[in-house]
């Protein structure tokens, strides 16, 4: 997952997608695999697909705040401010106390 993120930072979407395909082969339900699916969809401008991917992460990993935060970000980008704020509130409930 880190190398896929590195490829994305370099602007190399095809390489990141290829790495994601490999990740899906050996760990299709892994947290990193599922999160990367959402990130790739968002980068491709497929907001609905990205939101669904993050929802899948949330179902499999209900204690993680990152997919909920990612959903909020997508909602905000689409002008759905109230929905985004609700998701941010939900994410805040999952952030570990320090």
Protein backbone atom coordinates (compact mmCIF):
# COMPACT_ATOMS: atom_id res chain seq x y z
CA UNK A 1 0.00 0.00 0.00
CA UNK A 2 2.82 2.42 0.79
CA UNK A 3 4.39 1.91 -2.62
CA UNK A 4 1.03 2.45 -4.30
CA UNK A 5 0.69 5.73 -2.37
CA UNK A 6 4.21 6.65 -3.46
CA UNK A 7 3.20 6.01 -7.08
CA UNK A 8 0.14 8.22 -6.63
CA UNK A 9 2.31 10.98 -5.16
CA UNK A 10 4.46 10.73 -8.27
CA UNK A 11 1.38 11.03 -10.48
CA UNK A 12 1.65 7.45 -11.68
CA UNK A 13 -1.97 6.28 -11.49
CA UNK A 14 -1.46 3.25 -13.78
CA UNK A 15 1.32 1.89 -11.54
CA UNK A 16 -0.83 2.40 -8.43
CA UNK A 17 -3.74 0.62 -10.10
CA UNK A 18 -1.48 -2.28 -11.05
CA UNK A 19 -0.26 -2.57 -7.47
CA UNK A 20 -3.84 -2.47 -6.25
CA UNK A 21 -4.74 -5.32 -8.60
CA UNK A 22 -1.96 -7.40 -7.04
CA UNK A 23 -3.14 -6.49 -3.55
CA UNK A 24 -6.66 -7.64 -4.41
CA UNK A 25 -5.26 -11.01 -5.50
CA UNK A 26 -3.59 -11.89 -2.22
CA UNK A 27 -5.51 -9.78 0.34
CA UNK A 28 -8.84 -8.64 -1.09
CA UNK A 29 -10.40 -7.75 2.28
CA UNK A 30 -7.30 -6.19 3.85
CA UNK A 31 -7.77 -2.69 5.21
CA UNK A 32 -5.10 -1.22 2.93
CA UNK A 33 -6.55 -2.91 -0.16
CA UNK A 34 -10.04 -1.62 0.52
CA UNK A 35 -8.89 1.92 1.37
CA UNK A 36 -6.79 2.09 -1.77
CA UNK A 37 -9.83 1.09 -3.83
CA UNK A 38 -11.63 4.15 -2.51
CA UNK A 39 -8.66 6.43 -3.05
CA UNK A 40 -8.18 5.26 -6.64
CA UNK A 41 -11.87 5.70 -7.42
CA UNK A 42 -11.78 9.22 -5.97
CA UNK A 43 -8.73 10.13 -8.01
CA UNK A 44 -10.45 8.86 -11.17
CA UNK A 45 -13.40 11.12 -10.36
CA UNK A 46 -15.69 8.23 -9.48
CA UNK A 47 -17.09 9.71 -6.28
CA UNK A 48 -19.99 7.30 -5.89
CA UNK A 49 -17.70 4.29 -6.35
CA UNK A 50 -15.23 5.78 -3.87
CA UNK A 51 -17.99 6.35 -1.30
CA UNK A 52 -19.15 2.74 -1.70
CA UNK A 53 -15.57 1.50 -1.31
CA UNK A 54 -15.14 3.48 1.90
CA UNK A 55 -18.48 2.13 3.13
CA UNK A 56 -17.14 -1.36 2.60
CA UNK A 57 -14.06 -0.51 4.66
CA UNK A 58 -16.29 0.87 7.40
CA UNK A 59 -18.31 -2.37 7.47
CA UNK A 60 -15.22 -4.56 7.72
CA UNK A 61 -13.29 -2.29 10.08
CA UNK A 62 -15.89 -0.44 12.18
CA UNK A 63 -13.36 0.92 14.67
CA UNK A 64 -11.35 2.80 12.04
CA UNK A 65 -12.13 6.49 11.55
CA UNK A 66 -10.25 6.95 8.26
CA UNK A 67 -12.93 5.57 5.91
CA UNK A 68 -15.60 7.69 7.63
CA UNK A 69 -13.40 10.78 7.29
CA UNK A 70 -12.85 9.92 3.60
CA UNK A 71 -16.61 9.72 3.11
CA UNK A 72 -16.99 13.15 4.72
CA UNK A 73 -14.39 14.55 2.36
CA UNK A 74 -16.23 13.18 -0.68
CA UNK A 75 -19.54 14.57 0.55
CA UNK A 76 -17.99 18.00 1.15
CA UNK A 77 -16.48 18.00 -2.34
CA UNK A 78 -19.99 17.41 -3.71
CA UNK A 79 -21.49 20.27 -1.72
CA UNK A 80 -23.30 18.01 0.74
CA UNK A 81 -22.15 19.97 3.76
CA UNK A 82 -24.69 18.72 6.29
CA UNK A 83 -24.02 15.10 5.38
CA UNK A 84 -20.27 15.74 5.51
CA UNK A 85 -20.55 17.24 8.97
CA UNK A 86 -22.55 14.23 10.15
CA UNK A 87 -19.84 11.88 8.87
CA UNK A 88 -17.15 14.03 10.54
CA UNK A 89 -19.03 13.74 13.81
CA UNK A 90 -19.17 9.96 13.34
CA UNK A 91 -15.43 9.87 12.57
CA UNK A 92 -14.66 11.97 15.64
CA UNK A 93 -16.36 9.36 17.81
CA UNK A 94 -13.93 6.74 16.49
CA UNK A 95 -10.70 8.69 16.98
CA UNK A 96 -8.78 7.18 19.91
CA UNK A 97 -8.44 9.41 22.94
CA UNK A 98 -4.90 10.48 23.75
